[in-house]
Amino acid sequence: MAAKSLATCIFCKIIKGEIPSYKLLETEFSFSFLDIGPLSRGHALVIPKYHAEKMHELPDEYLTDVLPIAKKIAIAQGVPNYNILQNNGRIAHQEVPHAHFHVIPKPSASDDEGLYVGWPTKTFEKEEMQKIFEDMKSKLAGPAL
């Protein structure tokens, strides 16, 4: 675990074994376990062992480790439909300030199992889309992120 971890972080405590969990898989960089407040049967979390509040603060090697674990968990859940959810910041619905990834089975079309997501799309004029595109492209072409 990274030295940067916080002594009060619930996920850091789970990684260290100070709080029990239903551990599924563990690697050098990640720890996964069943969510104790699941949205459906088998809802799991994959958490990097490096303490960072938001995904963009994680070193790449921790991010590289997450998706193969999420894939294995999704297969083990045994349903063809699922969500991978990752929130950054309180107003973006992040409850625990440690970057983490939910693997949430969606066993049926019903809204009472799994994740229900509203998708309030926006419309931008062509000129505004071009400005957004140019701004983002210039930032992506800049110094390495």
C-alpha atoms as a PDB file:
ATOM      1  CA  MET A   1       0.000   0.000   0.000  1.00  0.00           C
ATOM      2  CA  ALA A   2       1.211   3.497  -0.780  1.00  0.00           C
ATOM      3  CA  ALA A   3       2.680   5.488   2.058  1.00  0.00           C
ATOM      4  CA  LYS A   4       0.265   8.266   1.125  1.00  0.00           C
ATOM      5  CA  SER A   5      -2.737   6.351   2.554  1.00  0.00           C
ATOM      6  CA  LEU A   6      -4.868   7.986   5.194  1.00  0.00           C
ATOM      7  CA  ALA A   7      -5.179   6.388   8.616  1.00  0.00           C
ATOM      8  CA  THR A   8      -8.890   7.234   8.687  1.00  0.00           C
ATOM      9  CA  CYS A   9      -9.824   5.931   5.214  1.00  0.00           C
ATOM     10  CA  ILE A  10     -12.260   3.023   5.462  1.00  0.00           C
ATOM     11  CA  PHE A  11     -10.944   1.449   2.242  1.00  0.00           C
ATOM     12  CA  CYS A  12      -7.331   1.710   3.423  1.00  0.00           C
ATOM     13  CA  LYS A  13      -8.402  -0.034   6.631  1.00  0.00           C
ATOM     14  CA  ILE A  14     -10.095  -2.792   4.618  1.00  0.00           C
ATOM     15  CA  ILE A  15      -6.940  -3.276   2.529  1.00  0.00           C
ATOM     16  CA  LYS A  16      -4.832  -3.550   5.708  1.00  0.00           C
ATOM     17  CA  GLY A  17      -7.278  -6.065   7.214  1.00  0.00           C
ATOM     18  CA  GLU A  18      -8.288  -3.722  10.048  1.00  0.00           C
ATOM     19  CA  ILE A  19     -11.902  -3.962   8.875  1.00  0.00           C
ATOM     20  CA  PRO A  20     -13.182  -7.344   7.683  1.00  0.00           C
ATOM     21  CA  SER A  21     -14.422  -7.762   4.127  1.00  0.00           C
ATOM     22  CA  TYR A  22     -15.665 -10.388   1.730  1.00  0.00           C
ATOM     23  CA  LYS A  23     -12.396 -10.324  -0.250  1.00  0.00           C
ATOM     24  CA  LEU A  24     -12.681 -11.607  -3.804  1.00  0.00           C
ATOM     25  CA  LEU A  25      -9.310 -10.927  -5.465  1.00  0.00           C
ATOM     26  CA  GLU A  26      -6.126  -9.176  -4.412  1.00  0.00           C
ATOM     27  CA  THR A  27      -3.061  -8.202  -6.428  1.00  0.00           C
ATOM     28  CA  GLU A  28      -0.014  -6.064  -5.758  1.00  0.00           C
ATOM     29  CA  PHE A  29      -1.992  -2.966  -6.833  1.00  0.00           C
ATOM     30  CA  SER A  30      -5.672  -3.735  -6.161  1.00  0.00           C
ATOM     31  CA  PHE A  31      -8.089  -5.223  -3.661  1.00  0.00           C
ATOM     32  CA  SER A  32     -11.649  -6.322  -4.462  1.00  0.00           C
ATOM     33  CA  PHE A  33     -14.536  -7.315  -2.250  1.00  0.00           C
ATOM     34  CA  LEU A  34     -18.320  -7.542  -2.094  1.00  0.00           C
ATOM     35  CA  ASP A  35     -20.120  -4.266  -1.423  1.00  0.00           C
ATOM     36  CA  ILE A  36     -21.956  -4.439   1.935  1.00  0.00           C
ATOM     37  CA  GLY A  37     -24.655  -2.101   0.573  1.00  0.00           C
ATOM     38  CA  PRO A  38     -25.217  -3.853  -2.757  1.00  0.00           C
ATOM     39  CA  LEU A  39     -27.533  -2.751  -5.545  1.00  0.00           C
ATOM     40  CA  SER A  40     -27.833  -6.394  -6.643  1.00  0.00           C
ATOM     41  CA  ARG A  41     -26.464  -9.861  -5.823  1.00  0.00           C
ATOM     42  CA  GLY A  42     -22.682  -9.923  -6.365  1.00  0.00           C
ATOM     43  CA  HIS A  43     -22.159  -6.123  -6.452  1.00  0.00           C
ATOM     44  CA  ALA A  44     -18.424  -5.739  -5.871  1.00  0.00           C
ATOM     45  CA  LEU A  45     -15.805  -3.028  -5.490  1.00  0.00           C
ATOM     46  CA  VAL A  46     -12.308  -2.905  -6.925  1.00  0.00           C
ATOM     47  CA  ILE A  47     -10.079  -0.465  -5.043  1.00  0.00           C
ATOM     48  CA  PRO A  48      -6.523   0.553  -5.835  1.00  0.00           C
ATOM     49  CA  LYS A  49      -4.125   0.022  -2.928  1.00  0.00           C
ATOM     50  CA  TYR A  50      -2.788   3.535  -3.514  1.00  0.00           C
ATOM     51  CA  HIS A  51      -4.784   6.111  -1.585  1.00  0.00           C
ATOM     52  CA  ALA A  52      -6.053   8.803  -3.921  1.00  0.00           C
ATOM     53  CA  GLU A  53      -9.443  10.444  -3.758  1.00  0.00           C
ATOM     54  CA  LYS A  54      -9.986  10.694  -7.505  1.00  0.00           C
ATOM     55  CA  MET A  55      -9.115   8.494 -10.460  1.00  0.00           C
ATOM     56  CA  HIS A  56      -6.896  11.081 -12.166  1.00  0.00           C
ATOM     57  CA  GLU A  57      -4.684  11.161  -9.044  1.00  0.00           C
ATOM     58  CA  LEU A  58      -3.803   7.448  -9.333  1.00  0.00           C
ATOM     59  CA  PRO A  59      -0.514   6.286 -10.846  1.00  0.00           C
ATOM     60  CA  ASP A  60      -1.155   4.471 -14.140  1.00  0.00           C
ATOM     61  CA  GLU A  61       0.016   1.064 -12.892  1.00  0.00           C
ATOM     62  CA  TYR A  62      -2.892   1.019 -10.424  1.00  0.00           C
ATOM     63  CA  LEU A  63      -5.368   1.879 -13.152  1.00  0.00           C
ATOM     64  CA  THR A  64      -3.920  -0.781 -15.450  1.00  0.00           C
ATOM     65  CA  ASP A  65      -4.618  -3.404 -12.789  1.00  0.00           C
ATOM     66  CA  VAL A  66      -8.279  -2.504 -12.195  1.00  0.00           C
ATOM     67  CA  LEU A  67     -10.027  -3.498 -15.437  1.00  0.00           C
ATOM     68  CA  PRO A  68      -8.749  -7.095 -15.656  1.00  0.00           C
ATOM     69  CA  ILE A  69     -10.016  -7.622 -12.095  1.00  0.00           C
ATOM     70  CA  ALA A  70     -13.359  -5.987 -12.917  1.00  0.00           C
ATOM     71  CA  LYS A  71     -13.626  -8.281 -15.954  1.00  0.00           C
ATOM     72  CA  LYS A  72     -13.028 -11.415 -13.847  1.00  0.00           C
ATOM     73  CA  ILE A  73     -15.612 -10.270 -11.308  1.00  0.00           C
ATOM     74  CA  ALA A  74     -18.175  -9.494 -14.032  1.00  0.00           C
ATOM     75  CA  ILE A  75     -17.731 -13.005 -15.425  1.00  0.00           C
ATOM     76  CA  ALA A  76     -18.025 -14.542 -11.932  1.00  0.00           C
ATOM     77  CA  GLN A  77     -21.267 -12.627 -11.304  1.00  0.00           C
ATOM     78  CA  GLY A  78     -22.825 -14.816 -13.977  1.00  0.00           C
ATOM     79  CA  VAL A  79     -25.114 -12.302 -15.659  1.00  0.00           C
ATOM     80  CA  PRO A  80     -24.635 -10.903 -19.172  1.00  0.00           C
ATOM     81  CA  ASN A  81     -25.438  -7.317 -18.194  1.00  0.00           C
ATOM     82  CA  TYR A  82     -23.580  -5.170 -15.688  1.00  0.00           C
ATOM     83  CA  ASN A  83     -22.296  -1.669 -14.995  1.00  0.00           C
ATOM     84  CA  ILE A  84     -18.770  -0.526 -14.179  1.00  0.00           C
ATOM     85  CA  LEU A  85     -19.187   2.676 -12.179  1.00  0.00           C
ATOM     86  CA  GLN A  86     -16.510   5.072 -10.977  1.00  0.00           C
ATOM     87  CA  ASN A  87     -17.384   8.449  -9.375  1.00  0.00           C
ATOM     88  CA  ASN A  88     -15.009  11.347  -8.643  1.00  0.00           C
ATOM     89  CA  GLY A  89     -15.997  13.871  -5.992  1.00  0.00           C
ATOM     90  CA  ARG A  90     -18.928  14.269  -3.642  1.00  0.00           C
ATOM     91  CA  ILE A  91     -21.165  16.093  -6.147  1.00  0.00           C
ATOM     92  CA  ALA A  92     -20.477  13.274  -8.640  1.00  0.00           C
ATOM     93  CA  HIS A  93     -21.910  10.783  -6.073  1.00  0.00           C
ATOM     94  CA  GLN A  94     -18.614   9.572  -4.574  1.00  0.00           C
ATOM     95  CA  GLU A  95     -19.347   8.505  -1.002  1.00  0.00           C
ATOM     96  CA  VAL A  96     -15.913   7.222   0.083  1.00  0.00           C
ATOM     97  CA  PRO A  97     -12.995   9.579  -0.711  1.00  0.00           C
ATOM     98  CA  HIS A  98     -10.761   6.801  -2.082  1.00  0.00           C
ATOM     99  CA  ALA A  99     -10.884   6.043  -5.818  1.00  0.00           C
ATOM    100  CA  HIS A 100     -12.856   2.859  -6.410  1.00  0.00           C
ATOM    101  CA  PHE A 101     -14.743   0.999  -9.114  1.00  0.00           C
ATOM    102  CA  HIS A 102     -18.117  -0.693  -8.707  1.00  0.00           C
ATOM    103  CA  VAL A 103     -18.956  -3.830 -10.701  1.00  0.00           C
ATOM    104  CA  ILE A 104     -22.740  -3.982 -10.501  1.00  0.00           C
ATOM    105  CA  PRO A 105     -24.705  -6.886 -12.002  1.00  0.00           C
ATOM    106  CA  LYS A 106     -27.927  -5.952 -13.815  1.00  0.00           C
ATOM    107  CA  PRO A 107     -29.845  -9.247 -13.705  1.00  0.00           C
ATOM    108  CA  SER A 108     -33.086  -7.859 -15.171  1.00  0.00           C
ATOM    109  CA  ALA A 109     -34.575  -4.819 -16.877  1.00  0.00           C
ATOM    110  CA  SER A 110     -36.293  -3.926 -13.610  1.00  0.00           C
ATOM    111  CA  ASP A 111     -35.169  -0.741 -11.874  1.00  0.00           C
ATOM    112  CA  ASP A 112     -35.303  -2.464  -8.472  1.00  0.00           C
ATOM    113  CA  GLU A 113     -32.146  -4.530  -9.158  1.00  0.00           C
ATOM    114  CA  GLY A 114     -28.771  -3.183 -10.183  1.00  0.00           C
ATOM    115  CA  LEU A 115     -27.974   0.371 -11.161  1.00  0.00           C
ATOM    116  CA  TYR A 116     -30.597   2.748 -12.521  1.00  0.00           C
ATOM    117  CA  VAL A 117     -29.095   5.663 -14.412  1.00  0.00           C
ATOM    118  CA  GLY A 118     -30.799   8.743 -15.780  1.00  0.00           C
ATOM    119  CA  TRP A 119     -29.028  10.195 -18.807  1.00  0.00           C
ATOM    120  CA  PRO A 120     -30.069  13.842 -19.235  1.00  0.00           C
ATOM    121  CA  THR A 121     -28.488  14.572 -22.610  1.00  0.00           C
ATOM    122  CA  LYS A 122     -27.598  18.111 -23.672  1.00  0.00           C
ATOM    123  CA  THR A 123     -27.585  19.689 -27.110  1.00  0.00           C
ATOM    124  CA  PHE A 124     -24.861  22.086 -28.250  1.00  0.00           C
ATOM    125  CA  GLU A 125     -24.766  24.109 -31.429  1.00  0.00           C
ATOM    126  CA  LYS A 126     -22.114  23.091 -33.950  1.00  0.00           C
ATOM    127  CA  GLU A 127     -19.956  26.138 -33.137  1.00  0.00           C
ATOM    128  CA  GLU A 128     -19.981  25.340 -29.416  1.00  0.00           C
ATOM    129  CA  MET A 129     -19.107  21.680 -30.106  1.00  0.00           C
ATOM    130  CA  GLN A 130     -16.182  22.872 -32.228  1.00  0.00           C
ATOM    131  CA  LYS A 131     -14.938  25.092 -29.352  1.00  0.00           C
ATOM    132  CA  ILE A 132     -15.224  22.225 -26.872  1.00  0.00           C
ATOM    133  CA  PHE A 133     -13.403  19.917 -29.298  1.00  0.00           C
ATOM    134  CA  GLU A 134     -10.560  22.373 -29.930  1.00  0.00           C
ATOM    135  CA  ASP A 135     -10.120  23.096 -26.218  1.00  0.00           C
ATOM    136  CA  MET A 136      -9.925  19.424 -25.294  1.00  0.00           C
ATOM    137  CA  LYS A 137      -7.668  18.508 -28.229  1.00  0.00           C
ATOM    138  CA  SER A 138      -5.213  21.253 -27.282  1.00  0.00           C
ATOM    139  CA  LYS A 139      -5.100  20.021 -23.684  1.00  0.00           C
ATOM    140  CA  LEU A 140      -4.623  16.409 -24.787  1.00  0.00           C
ATOM    141  CA  ALA A 141      -1.785  17.415 -27.119  1.00  0.00           C
ATOM    142  CA  GLY A 142      -0.032  19.364 -24.364  1.00  0.00           C
ATOM    143  CA  PRO A 143       2.446  18.030 -21.803  1.00  0.00           C
ATOM    144  CA  ALA A 144       2.011  14.394 -20.773  1.00  0.00           C
ATOM    145  CA  LEU A 145      -0.832  13.914 -18.334  1.00  0.00           C
END
